[in-house]
């Protein structure tokens, strides 16, 4: 026998909206109000779709107000996420004599190892080879 048709009430709409706002999974919301997930999406589409947007607007507004009020952390966060600010560290590995210009540490180590191997080979030392 088919289950009775679900009829949303103000209480179930508020429950769905609250849970959707805080990110509760739709399957769990459906269980909480005693229906299937498909029925939840059929009868509560607006609550599911708009709750997250409303929550983001509320939190975003609070963040914006904190930034306008002089909260430095809020200002920095806003500028990084909304205005494209980034923090970049530039490391200049150029030595005073120019010997390290543009080379990474690994490239310098590999170069020194190659010179040592060449020197060993020229000296006829084969104790390091397999």
C-alpha atoms as a PDB file:
ATOM      1  CA  UNK A   1       0.000   0.000   0.000  1.00  0.00           C
ATOM      2  CA  UNK A   2       1.437   3.411  -0.972  1.00  0.00           C
ATOM      3  CA  UNK A   3       2.367   5.801   1.814  1.00  0.00           C
ATOM      4  CA  UNK A   4       0.163   8.850   2.334  1.00  0.00           C
ATOM      5  CA  UNK A   5       0.958  12.003   0.373  1.00  0.00           C
ATOM      6  CA  UNK A   6       3.251  14.322   2.300  1.00  0.00           C
ATOM      7  CA  UNK A   7       1.844  17.732   3.225  1.00  0.00           C
ATOM      8  CA  UNK A   8       4.436  20.328   4.246  1.00  0.00           C
ATOM      9  CA  UNK A   9       3.652  22.383   7.343  1.00  0.00           C
ATOM     10  CA  UNK A  10       5.201  25.581   8.690  1.00  0.00           C
ATOM     11  CA  UNK A  11       7.098  23.471  11.236  1.00  0.00           C
ATOM     12  CA  UNK A  12       8.530  21.068   8.639  1.00  0.00           C
ATOM     13  CA  UNK A  13       9.494  24.005   6.379  1.00  0.00           C
ATOM     14  CA  UNK A  14      11.299  25.691   9.280  1.00  0.00           C
ATOM     15  CA  UNK A  15      13.028  22.415  10.169  1.00  0.00           C
ATOM     16  CA  UNK A  16      14.199  21.863   6.598  1.00  0.00           C
ATOM     17  CA  UNK A  17      15.359  25.466   6.309  1.00  0.00           C
ATOM     18  CA  UNK A  18      17.301  25.312   9.573  1.00  0.00           C
ATOM     19  CA  UNK A  19      19.046  22.070   8.671  1.00  0.00           C
ATOM     20  CA  UNK A  20      19.783  23.131   5.100  1.00  0.00           C
ATOM     21  CA  UNK A  21      21.211  26.418   6.410  1.00  0.00           C
ATOM     22  CA  UNK A  22      23.762  24.689   8.616  1.00  0.00           C
ATOM     23  CA  UNK A  23      24.642  22.084   5.982  1.00  0.00           C
ATOM     24  CA  UNK A  24      22.840  18.957   7.170  1.00  0.00           C
ATOM     25  CA  UNK A  25      22.830  16.292   4.431  1.00  0.00           C
ATOM     26  CA  UNK A  26      19.522  16.027   2.548  1.00  0.00           C
ATOM     27  CA  UNK A  27      19.196  12.313   3.338  1.00  0.00           C
ATOM     28  CA  UNK A  28      19.404  13.109   7.041  1.00  0.00           C
ATOM     29  CA  UNK A  29      16.952  16.020   6.784  1.00  0.00           C
ATOM     30  CA  UNK A  30      14.480  13.669   5.107  1.00  0.00           C
ATOM     31  CA  UNK A  31      14.899  11.145   7.937  1.00  0.00           C
ATOM     32  CA  UNK A  32      14.407  13.867  10.546  1.00  0.00           C
ATOM     33  CA  UNK A  33      11.022  14.854   9.147  1.00  0.00           C
ATOM     34  CA  UNK A  34      10.081  11.275   8.284  1.00  0.00           C
ATOM     35  CA  UNK A  35      10.053  11.271   4.486  1.00  0.00           C
ATOM     36  CA  UNK A  36      12.246  10.058   1.645  1.00  0.00           C
ATOM     37  CA  UNK A  37      14.924  12.230   0.080  1.00  0.00           C
ATOM     38  CA  UNK A  38      13.019  12.406  -3.215  1.00  0.00           C
ATOM     39  CA  UNK A  39       9.908  13.656  -1.397  1.00  0.00           C
ATOM     40  CA  UNK A  40      12.046  16.183   0.479  1.00  0.00           C
ATOM     41  CA  UNK A  41      13.393  17.603  -2.768  1.00  0.00           C
ATOM     42  CA  UNK A  42       9.913  17.655  -4.315  1.00  0.00           C
ATOM     43  CA  UNK A  43       8.191  19.565  -1.506  1.00  0.00           C
ATOM     44  CA  UNK A  44      11.044  21.644  -0.066  1.00  0.00           C
ATOM     45  CA  UNK A  45      13.014  22.684  -3.159  1.00  0.00           C
ATOM     46  CA  UNK A  46      12.962  26.402  -2.256  1.00  0.00           C
ATOM     47  CA  UNK A  47      14.131  25.809   1.307  1.00  0.00           C
ATOM     48  CA  UNK A  48      16.942  23.540   0.121  1.00  0.00           C
ATOM     49  CA  UNK A  49      18.073  25.902  -2.640  1.00  0.00           C
ATOM     50  CA  UNK A  50      17.823  29.219  -0.818  1.00  0.00           C
ATOM     51  CA  UNK A  51      18.908  28.375   2.727  1.00  0.00           C
ATOM     52  CA  UNK A  52      22.617  28.189   1.931  1.00  0.00           C
ATOM     53  CA  UNK A  53      22.481  31.420  -0.067  1.00  0.00           C
ATOM     54  CA  UNK A  54      20.692  33.186   2.794  1.00  0.00           C
ATOM     55  CA  UNK A  55      23.208  31.869   5.330  1.00  0.00           C
ATOM     56  CA  UNK A  56      26.132  32.962   3.137  1.00  0.00           C
ATOM     57  CA  UNK A  57      24.565  36.419   2.799  1.00  0.00           C
ATOM     58  CA  UNK A  58      24.147  36.710   6.565  1.00  0.00           C
ATOM     59  CA  UNK A  59      27.704  35.631   7.340  1.00  0.00           C
ATOM     60  CA  UNK A  60      29.092  37.655   4.441  1.00  0.00           C
ATOM     61  CA  UNK A  61      27.245  40.715   5.695  1.00  0.00           C
ATOM     62  CA  UNK A  62      28.641  40.255   9.188  1.00  0.00           C
ATOM     63  CA  UNK A  63      32.168  39.860   7.769  1.00  0.00           C
ATOM     64  CA  UNK A  64      31.711  42.941   5.598  1.00  0.00           C
ATOM     65  CA  UNK A  65      30.523  44.961   8.604  1.00  0.00           C
ATOM     66  CA  UNK A  66      33.530  43.804  10.657  1.00  0.00           C
ATOM     67  CA  UNK A  67      35.847  44.800   7.809  1.00  0.00           C
ATOM     68  CA  UNK A  68      34.168  48.217   7.525  1.00  0.00           C
ATOM     69  CA  UNK A  69      34.473  48.587  11.282  1.00  0.00           C
ATOM     70  CA  UNK A  70      38.252  48.230  11.126  1.00  0.00           C
ATOM     71  CA  UNK A  71      38.792  44.533  11.891  1.00  0.00           C
ATOM     72  CA  UNK A  72      42.122  43.974  10.141  1.00  0.00           C
ATOM     73  CA  UNK A  73      41.733  40.189   9.866  1.00  0.00           C
ATOM     74  CA  UNK A  74      38.296  40.630   8.274  1.00  0.00           C
ATOM     75  CA  UNK A  75      39.721  43.227   5.878  1.00  0.00           C
ATOM     76  CA  UNK A  76      42.571  40.963   4.812  1.00  0.00           C
ATOM     77  CA  UNK A  77      40.277  37.960   4.387  1.00  0.00           C
ATOM     78  CA  UNK A  78      37.845  40.019   2.306  1.00  0.00           C
ATOM     79  CA  UNK A  79      40.592  41.396   0.074  1.00  0.00           C
ATOM     80  CA  UNK A  80      42.123  37.951  -0.490  1.00  0.00           C
ATOM     81  CA  UNK A  81      38.839  36.194  -1.250  1.00  0.00           C
ATOM     82  CA  UNK A  82      36.915  38.968  -2.974  1.00  0.00           C
ATOM     83  CA  UNK A  83      39.499  41.342  -4.426  1.00  0.00           C
ATOM     84  CA  UNK A  84      42.142  38.862  -5.579  1.00  0.00           C
ATOM     85  CA  UNK A  85      44.909  39.892  -3.215  1.00  0.00           C
ATOM     86  CA  UNK A  86      47.668  37.322  -2.742  1.00  0.00           C
ATOM     87  CA  UNK A  87      50.761  37.008  -0.642  1.00  0.00           C
ATOM     88  CA  UNK A  88      53.901  36.094  -2.531  1.00  0.00           C
ATOM     89  CA  UNK A  89      57.384  35.623  -1.198  1.00  0.00           C
ATOM     90  CA  UNK A  90      60.200  36.159  -3.652  1.00  0.00           C
ATOM     91  CA  UNK A  91      63.498  34.562  -2.715  1.00  0.00           C
ATOM     92  CA  UNK A  92      66.606  35.810  -4.483  1.00  0.00           C
ATOM     93  CA  UNK A  93      69.309  33.136  -4.309  1.00  0.00           C
ATOM     94  CA  UNK A  94      71.899  35.204  -6.136  1.00  0.00           C
ATOM     95  CA  UNK A  95      75.205  35.223  -4.271  1.00  0.00           C
ATOM     96  CA  UNK A  96      77.397  38.303  -4.087  1.00  0.00           C
ATOM     97  CA  UNK A  97      79.792  36.798  -6.673  1.00  0.00           C
ATOM     98  CA  UNK A  98      76.929  35.670  -8.942  1.00  0.00           C
ATOM     99  CA  UNK A  99      77.822  31.981  -8.676  1.00  0.00           C
ATOM    100  CA  UNK A 100      74.352  31.031  -7.442  1.00  0.00           C
ATOM    101  CA  UNK A 101      72.345  33.180  -9.824  1.00  0.00           C
ATOM    102  CA  UNK A 102      69.165  31.403 -10.937  1.00  0.00           C
ATOM    103  CA  UNK A 103      70.180  27.922  -9.838  1.00  0.00           C
ATOM    104  CA  UNK A 104      68.086  25.955  -7.418  1.00  0.00           C
ATOM    105  CA  UNK A 105      69.721  24.187  -4.494  1.00  0.00           C
ATOM    106  CA  UNK A 106      69.150  20.800  -6.169  1.00  0.00           C
ATOM    107  CA  UNK A 107      70.757  21.993  -9.411  1.00  0.00           C
ATOM    108  CA  UNK A 108      73.801  23.233  -7.473  1.00  0.00           C
ATOM    109  CA  UNK A 109      74.140  19.934  -5.600  1.00  0.00           C
ATOM    110  CA  UNK A 110      73.805  17.923  -8.815  1.00  0.00           C
ATOM    111  CA  UNK A 111      76.417  20.100 -10.485  1.00  0.00           C
ATOM    112  CA  UNK A 112      78.862  19.621  -7.605  1.00  0.00           C
ATOM    113  CA  UNK A 113      78.266  15.858  -7.600  1.00  0.00           C
ATOM    114  CA  UNK A 114      78.916  15.703 -11.329  1.00  0.00           C
ATOM    115  CA  UNK A 115      82.203  17.639 -10.907  1.00  0.00           C
ATOM    116  CA  UNK A 116      83.257  15.296  -8.088  1.00  0.00           C
ATOM    117  CA  UNK A 117      82.432  12.236 -10.199  1.00  0.00           C
ATOM    118  CA  UNK A 118      84.433  13.664 -13.123  1.00  0.00           C
ATOM    119  CA  UNK A 119      87.383  14.354 -10.847  1.00  0.00           C
ATOM    120  CA  UNK A 120      87.200  10.818  -9.432  1.00  0.00           C
ATOM    121  CA  UNK A 121      87.049   9.305 -12.912  1.00  0.00           C
ATOM    122  CA  UNK A 122      90.038  11.356 -14.089  1.00  0.00           C
ATOM    123  CA  UNK A 123      92.005  10.215 -11.057  1.00  0.00           C
ATOM    124  CA  UNK A 124      91.193   6.595 -11.904  1.00  0.00           C
ATOM    125  CA  UNK A 125      89.296   5.960  -8.637  1.00  0.00           C
ATOM    126  CA  UNK A 126      86.581   3.404  -9.317  1.00  0.00           C
ATOM    127  CA  UNK A 127      85.840   2.479  -5.695  1.00  0.00           C
ATOM    128  CA  UNK A 128      82.547   4.431  -5.798  1.00  0.00           C
ATOM    129  CA  UNK A 129      81.106   2.623  -8.817  1.00  0.00           C
ATOM    130  CA  UNK A 130      79.019  -0.583  -8.773  1.00  0.00           C
END
